[in-house]
Amino acid sequence: MAIGAVVKQAAANSAKQASNGSSRLRLRKAALTLTPRAVTRLKRLNDGTSPQFLRVGVRQKGCSGNSYILEFTDSKGKFDEIVQQDGVTVLVDSKALITVLGSEMDYVEDKLSSQFVFHNPNAKGVCGCGESFAV
């Protein structure tokens, strides 16, 4: 069978599957999800004149090995993953994507501090102070 015939056959099979509703495409899991408190806080932080993105990254530091880095930026990096939820846009650094995948970002306020907290299903260990994690 010639290459052209194989390509035509594959296209025909793909069209049949799409019309039957049995497509092989699946929904992708979000790289990062935001809690309603995190969304509210990010909206308040981004009330300035020029809209900025929050970039989430991971750096090797801390007693457990990795630490989250949050920074505001005006532009998206070439390979950044875009997470849009409830009118808020967060960028995930491409180098941090594997370690952040499936995490939930929350905003917590208590009597002494207020901070963004990450609930990461990939973390195998966390240091005592909660500043760093290991995967």
C-alpha atoms as a PDB file:
ATOM      1  CA  MET A   1       0.000   0.000   0.000  1.00  0.00           C
ATOM      2  CA  ALA A   2       1.414   3.405  -0.941  1.00  0.00           C
ATOM      3  CA  ILE A   3       2.060   6.102   1.676  1.00  0.00           C
ATOM      4  CA  GLY A   4      -0.636   8.334   0.195  1.00  0.00           C
ATOM      5  CA  ALA A   5      -3.212   5.566   0.524  1.00  0.00           C
ATOM      6  CA  VAL A   6      -2.234   4.956   4.152  1.00  0.00           C
ATOM      7  CA  VAL A   7      -2.649   8.653   4.957  1.00  0.00           C
ATOM      8  CA  LYS A   8      -6.052   8.767   3.254  1.00  0.00           C
ATOM      9  CA  GLN A   9      -7.169   5.648   5.143  1.00  0.00           C
ATOM     10  CA  ALA A  10      -6.035   7.117   8.478  1.00  0.00           C
ATOM     11  CA  ALA A  11      -7.882  10.368   7.746  1.00  0.00           C
ATOM     12  CA  ALA A  12     -11.042   8.445   6.855  1.00  0.00           C
ATOM     13  CA  ASN A  13     -10.844   6.402  10.075  1.00  0.00           C
ATOM     14  CA  SER A  14     -10.313   9.561  12.099  1.00  0.00           C
ATOM     15  CA  ALA A  15     -13.344  11.210  10.490  1.00  0.00           C
ATOM     16  CA  LYS A  16     -15.468   8.119  11.272  1.00  0.00           C
ATOM     17  CA  GLN A  17     -14.430   8.187  14.933  1.00  0.00           C
ATOM     18  CA  ALA A  18     -15.160  11.910  15.220  1.00  0.00           C
ATOM     19  CA  SER A  19     -18.633  11.473  13.704  1.00  0.00           C
ATOM     20  CA  ASN A  20     -19.368   8.528  16.029  1.00  0.00           C
ATOM     21  CA  GLY A  21     -18.390  10.558  19.082  1.00  0.00           C
ATOM     22  CA  SER A  22     -15.611   8.104  19.954  1.00  0.00           C
ATOM     23  CA  SER A  23     -12.726  10.487  19.521  1.00  0.00           C
ATOM     24  CA  ARG A  24      -9.477   9.611  21.257  1.00  0.00           C
ATOM     25  CA  LEU A  25      -8.987  13.165  22.459  1.00  0.00           C
ATOM     26  CA  ARG A  26      -9.169  13.564  26.212  1.00  0.00           C
ATOM     27  CA  LEU A  27      -9.464  16.583  28.436  1.00  0.00           C
ATOM     28  CA  ARG A  28      -6.149  17.674  29.890  1.00  0.00           C
ATOM     29  CA  LYS A  29      -5.769  18.090  33.605  1.00  0.00           C
ATOM     30  CA  ALA A  30      -4.984  21.663  34.614  1.00  0.00           C
ATOM     31  CA  ALA A  31      -1.383  22.256  35.619  1.00  0.00           C
ATOM     32  CA  LEU A  32      -2.537  24.223  38.642  1.00  0.00           C
ATOM     33  CA  THR A  33      -5.938  24.911  40.197  1.00  0.00           C
ATOM     34  CA  LEU A  34      -6.835  27.932  42.300  1.00  0.00           C
ATOM     35  CA  THR A  35      -9.147  28.036  45.297  1.00  0.00           C
ATOM     36  CA  PRO A  36     -11.768  30.818  45.464  1.00  0.00           C
ATOM     37  CA  ARG A  37      -9.693  32.586  48.157  1.00  0.00           C
ATOM     38  CA  ALA A  38      -6.617  32.543  45.904  1.00  0.00           C
ATOM     39  CA  VAL A  39      -8.652  33.915  42.986  1.00  0.00           C
ATOM     40  CA  THR A  40     -10.038  36.728  45.153  1.00  0.00           C
ATOM     41  CA  ARG A  41      -6.579  37.665  46.459  1.00  0.00           C
ATOM     42  CA  LEU A  42      -5.008  37.609  42.978  1.00  0.00           C
ATOM     43  CA  LYS A  43      -7.777  39.860  41.661  1.00  0.00           C
ATOM     44  CA  ARG A  44      -7.085  42.339  44.483  1.00  0.00           C
ATOM     45  CA  LEU A  45      -3.345  42.241  43.846  1.00  0.00           C
ATOM     46  CA  ASN A  46      -3.848  42.828  40.130  1.00  0.00           C
ATOM     47  CA  ASP A  47      -6.088  45.914  40.428  1.00  0.00           C
ATOM     48  CA  GLY A  48      -3.343  48.160  38.988  1.00  0.00           C
ATOM     49  CA  THR A  49      -3.439  50.087  35.744  1.00  0.00           C
ATOM     50  CA  SER A  50      -1.440  47.573  33.724  1.00  0.00           C
ATOM     51  CA  PRO A  51      -2.505  43.954  33.986  1.00  0.00           C
ATOM     52  CA  GLN A  52       0.241  41.627  35.125  1.00  0.00           C
ATOM     53  CA  PHE A  53       0.579  37.872  35.318  1.00  0.00           C
ATOM     54  CA  LEU A  54       1.652  35.890  38.338  1.00  0.00           C
ATOM     55  CA  ARG A  55       4.352  33.382  37.381  1.00  0.00           C
ATOM     56  CA  VAL A  56       4.740  30.300  39.569  1.00  0.00           C
ATOM     57  CA  GLY A  57       8.119  28.622  39.514  1.00  0.00           C
ATOM     58  CA  VAL A  58      10.198  26.187  41.532  1.00  0.00           C
ATOM     59  CA  ARG A  59      13.831  26.718  42.532  1.00  0.00           C
ATOM     60  CA  GLN A  60      16.256  24.362  44.230  1.00  0.00           C
ATOM     61  CA  LYS A  61      16.615  25.772  47.717  1.00  0.00           C
ATOM     62  CA  GLY A  62      15.496  25.113  51.262  1.00  0.00           C
ATOM     63  CA  CYS A  63      16.062  22.162  53.541  1.00  0.00           C
ATOM     64  CA  SER A  64      13.876  19.762  51.530  1.00  0.00           C
ATOM     65  CA  GLY A  65      15.289  20.703  48.145  1.00  0.00           C
ATOM     66  CA  ASN A  66      12.643  22.750  46.279  1.00  0.00           C
ATOM     67  CA  SER A  67      10.843  25.989  47.014  1.00  0.00           C
ATOM     68  CA  TYR A  68       8.034  27.847  45.223  1.00  0.00           C
ATOM     69  CA  ILE A  69       8.852  31.193  43.621  1.00  0.00           C
ATOM     70  CA  LEU A  70       6.065  33.697  42.869  1.00  0.00           C
ATOM     71  CA  GLU A  71       6.729  36.765  40.755  1.00  0.00           C
ATOM     72  CA  PHE A  72       4.707  39.285  38.775  1.00  0.00           C
ATOM     73  CA  THR A  73       5.558  39.733  35.111  1.00  0.00           C
ATOM     74  CA  ASP A  74       4.234  41.774  32.204  1.00  0.00           C
ATOM     75  CA  SER A  75       4.705  39.129  29.537  1.00  0.00           C
ATOM     76  CA  LYS A  76       4.338  35.410  29.035  1.00  0.00           C
ATOM     77  CA  GLY A  77       7.476  33.338  28.526  1.00  0.00           C
ATOM     78  CA  LYS A  78       7.802  31.290  25.369  1.00  0.00           C
ATOM     79  CA  PHE A  79       7.131  27.948  27.065  1.00  0.00           C
ATOM     80  CA  ASP A  80       5.049  29.040  30.077  1.00  0.00           C
ATOM     81  CA  GLU A  81       1.857  27.102  30.736  1.00  0.00           C
ATOM     82  CA  ILE A  82      -1.185  29.382  30.966  1.00  0.00           C
ATOM     83  CA  VAL A  83      -3.744  28.666  33.686  1.00  0.00           C
ATOM     84  CA  GLN A  84      -6.944  30.709  33.397  1.00  0.00           C
ATOM     85  CA  GLN A  85      -9.574  30.351  36.068  1.00  0.00           C
ATOM     86  CA  ASP A  86     -12.415  32.668  37.109  1.00  0.00           C
ATOM     87  CA  GLY A  87     -10.947  35.717  35.356  1.00  0.00           C
ATOM     88  CA  VAL A  88      -7.424  35.244  36.727  1.00  0.00           C
ATOM     89  CA  THR A  89      -4.424  34.245  34.631  1.00  0.00           C
ATOM     90  CA  VAL A  90      -1.458  32.482  36.234  1.00  0.00           C
ATOM     91  CA  LEU A  91       1.646  31.384  34.358  1.00  0.00           C
ATOM     92  CA  VAL A  92       3.520  28.223  35.322  1.00  0.00           C
ATOM     93  CA  ASP A  93       7.211  28.235  34.467  1.00  0.00           C
ATOM     94  CA  SER A  94       8.001  25.423  32.023  1.00  0.00           C
ATOM     95  CA  LYS A  95      10.838  24.147  34.234  1.00  0.00           C
ATOM     96  CA  ALA A  96       8.459  23.844  37.189  1.00  0.00           C
ATOM     97  CA  LEU A  97       5.605  22.187  35.302  1.00  0.00           C
ATOM     98  CA  ILE A  98       6.491  18.599  36.238  1.00  0.00           C
ATOM     99  CA  THR A  99       6.722  19.362  39.963  1.00  0.00           C
ATOM    100  CA  VAL A 100       3.638  21.636  40.068  1.00  0.00           C
ATOM    101  CA  LEU A 101       1.335  19.473  37.922  1.00  0.00           C
ATOM    102  CA  GLY A 102      -1.947  18.787  39.702  1.00  0.00           C
ATOM    103  CA  SER A 103      -1.262  21.200  42.576  1.00  0.00           C
ATOM    104  CA  GLU A 104      -3.810  23.471  44.223  1.00  0.00           C
ATOM    105  CA  MET A 105      -2.923  27.053  45.124  1.00  0.00           C
ATOM    106  CA  ASP A 106      -4.720  28.500  48.147  1.00  0.00           C
ATOM    107  CA  TYR A 107      -4.517  31.799  50.027  1.00  0.00           C
ATOM    108  CA  VAL A 108      -4.440  31.529  53.828  1.00  0.00           C
ATOM    109  CA  GLU A 109      -4.683  34.296  56.429  1.00  0.00           C
ATOM    110  CA  ASP A 110      -4.125  33.769  60.134  1.00  0.00           C
ATOM    111  CA  LYS A 111      -3.248  36.023  63.073  1.00  0.00           C
ATOM    112  CA  LEU A 112       0.445  36.236  62.222  1.00  0.00           C
ATOM    113  CA  SER A 113       0.708  35.879  58.457  1.00  0.00           C
ATOM    114  CA  SER A 114      -1.003  35.750  55.120  1.00  0.00           C
ATOM    115  CA  GLN A 115       0.418  33.697  52.273  1.00  0.00           C
ATOM    116  CA  PHE A 116      -0.231  31.551  49.244  1.00  0.00           C
ATOM    117  CA  VAL A 117      -0.067  27.862  50.129  1.00  0.00           C
ATOM    118  CA  PHE A 118       0.394  24.997  47.677  1.00  0.00           C
ATOM    119  CA  HIS A 119      -1.187  21.569  48.136  1.00  0.00           C
ATOM    120  CA  ASN A 120       1.014  19.408  45.906  1.00  0.00           C
ATOM    121  CA  PRO A 121       0.124  15.732  45.368  1.00  0.00           C
ATOM    122  CA  ASN A 122       3.627  15.146  43.942  1.00  0.00           C
ATOM    123  CA  ALA A 123       5.420  16.207  47.138  1.00  0.00           C
ATOM    124  CA  LYS A 124       7.003  13.292  48.970  1.00  0.00           C
ATOM    125  CA  GLY A 125       8.179  15.360  51.915  1.00  0.00           C
ATOM    126  CA  VAL A 126       7.969  18.852  53.373  1.00  0.00           C
ATOM    127  CA  CYS A 127      10.366  20.567  55.755  1.00  0.00           C
ATOM    128  CA  GLY A 128       9.220  21.516  59.265  1.00  0.00           C
ATOM    129  CA  CYS A 129       8.741  25.204  58.482  1.00  0.00           C
ATOM    130  CA  GLY A 130       6.751  24.438  55.321  1.00  0.00           C
ATOM    131  CA  GLU A 131       8.948  26.578  53.062  1.00  0.00           C
ATOM    132  CA  SER A 132      10.338  23.768  50.915  1.00  0.00           C
ATOM    133  CA  PHE A 133       9.329  20.342  49.604  1.00  0.00           C
ATOM    134  CA  ALA A 134      10.807  17.256  47.953  1.00  0.00           C
ATOM    135  CA  VAL A 135       9.457  15.285  45.010  1.00  0.00           C
END
